[in-house]
């Protein structure tokens, strides 16, 4: 009887399905209630709930309504695509004469209108480049480093790696030279592609990375490249020379298998060395196929590529675009000129992060505030009317777009029809604002490098904000009880717990690190994310906390506060330090319990009068002195830029067990400290915001 039970359950779930329709064109869930089958599957709008194990009968596994009875591994319309190589071969054939990769930057460094390579041209360049690597002794399975910012050559190198079964390893300088050196050595990288500005970084430690046999300079001219001593054993050549070598002797493709490793993506980590996330071709294709069950792009779409391709979010965006045959236009390399690039490109697809969306929101709202009473009233009337229409599922009056919103849309080129947000939580207010002002679908995703980007996304037709949607069709999610934080699946009104994910898009392992792999993937194949979530009605997931004392800032960097607190403990003024940050803020702030004698001595030397220690702690000069000393300590400890506290509040009383800010083992109780210092934290961020506004106006 047990052997037929899975089929019985499958049939029960299938009985919920409506007659087949084009799922990507119909945003409504393709399910209906079936009371007779209700004991086998629960339908919750955007998710289907299933029992994890038939024996236990616990209903705790959530799947997408777009594929409730199997996790997606391939594209529905093209199941023959099993690798990134397969994906690009098809794109090169089907979309041969369509725009593929565009740039404004000319060979001489000047900037003009966008010029495009077709898919056919990109396919030819990929073949020549891969052949050049083979001719220079790079063999199947070798790791190839990409150490430069987004530009067409990045995608061509990545596609060449797939075509010849090399493993691409993105490198990015925000990790710092030491981390780059570590990754090159750890992954045993044999060839590195870089630009001239990163070449000197590599050459500064070339003797310490003996695995490297070839360095290829993108945008360089061979005559201008430095000569390397023969003792290094490293060949140095330009990208154009490598392409030329390959074209003169094209080599046959060495197609990978779905289970072969496609890339090793090193995450910035939280403390210590970066971790290499091993992703196969099958992982990446499953992730992209899962996306395609909910959303569709088109060959006439244009996406704007400026988020780092070294990160999985943008990497997957480009792979999905290749499947649908859209065009990717790259920024010129300067974040301060993004608006110029957007005006020139006029994209239809805009993928970004909350930090950028927050700036757009702030810029528009500030402009409205200073526009005069009549324009403010007009904007409010237009905004409220259009928002009400959207929330009701209706079309708003086009007059509001003509009078107000078309001017706002023009800031992103005027044609954006699809926006996505990832890397950290997007404020519900900002989400609603984008939907209203830009009049397009805005989706928020939740994912990580280990899941090939998004594991959950908000769906079309869902106007509720403040959540990250339902599971993608390539994975299933569940919440696991965290009793030490009082989160359980029995919580009312919403089940809560640590988010766990399983499916074909989940990574294989951390490279050469079995211990950390076993720490996050359990015996049943569930990846434990460390994030705490709850299920909202409709099968929507909301992120509410972190299991570990690790968090992301709004631009996506991970921060380990205890590491930073240990650094600042060396500050002469600090008896104790509490570092705070969250995913809606771009920087950290600090609460410092002062060493009374040291602060009083400083005040005496500065001639500062005060009645008591509490008053001295509130003195702006005292705060500045302590922050300056913390900055010195931070630089000595080589903290990264985002790890520095940008503001500090001084308190005269220490954290103690008695005031419930410390555990019996003298560790900071973070939730309690956050609540205890909530007003001080809010005031620091408000002051920082005002300071940023003043700086912006004086530019």
Foldseek 3Di string as FASTA:
>chain_A
DVVCVLVVLLVLLVVQADPDDQLQVDQWQRGHDDPVSCLAWDFFGQWIWGDPDPVVSDTFKIFGSLAHSDFFQAAPVCRVDQFLLSLLVVLCVPFVAFFAEWEQADLVGDGDFIDTDTSVRLVLLLQLLLLLCVVVPDAAAAEEEEEEFDHSVVVSPLNNCQQANYAYEYDYCLLPLVQRLVVLQLRLHAEYEEAPVCVVSCVVCLVSRLSYAEYEHESDQAVPDDDDPVVSNHHYYYSVVSSVVSVVPGDHTDHDGQARWSYWQWASDADDHTWTFTFGRSLLNSVLSLVCSFHADALAFEEEDGPGCSFLASVSVSSNCSNRNHYYYYDSNDPVCLLVVLQSPLGQEYEDFQVVLVVLVVVVVVCLVPVDDVSVVLVVVQLVQQLVQLVVVHHGDCVSCVVPQQVSCCSRNNNHAEYEYELFDHDQVSLSVCCRRNVHHYKYFYDHVQQSGGQAMQGPPDPDDQFGHAGGSFKMKGFPADVVVPAACPDPPWHKHFIKMAGSNGTDATRPCVPVRCVQADPVGIGGDQWMWIADRSRTIHTDGGNDQWAAARNNDIYRQVVLQVLLCPQQFAPGKDWDGHNNHQAIAMEGATDVVVLVVVCVVVVHDDDDVQRSQPDPVSFVVSLVSSVVSCVVVPPRPRSRHPGYGYDHDDDDVVVVQADPVGDGPVVVVCVVCVVVVVVVVVVVVVVVVVVVVVD
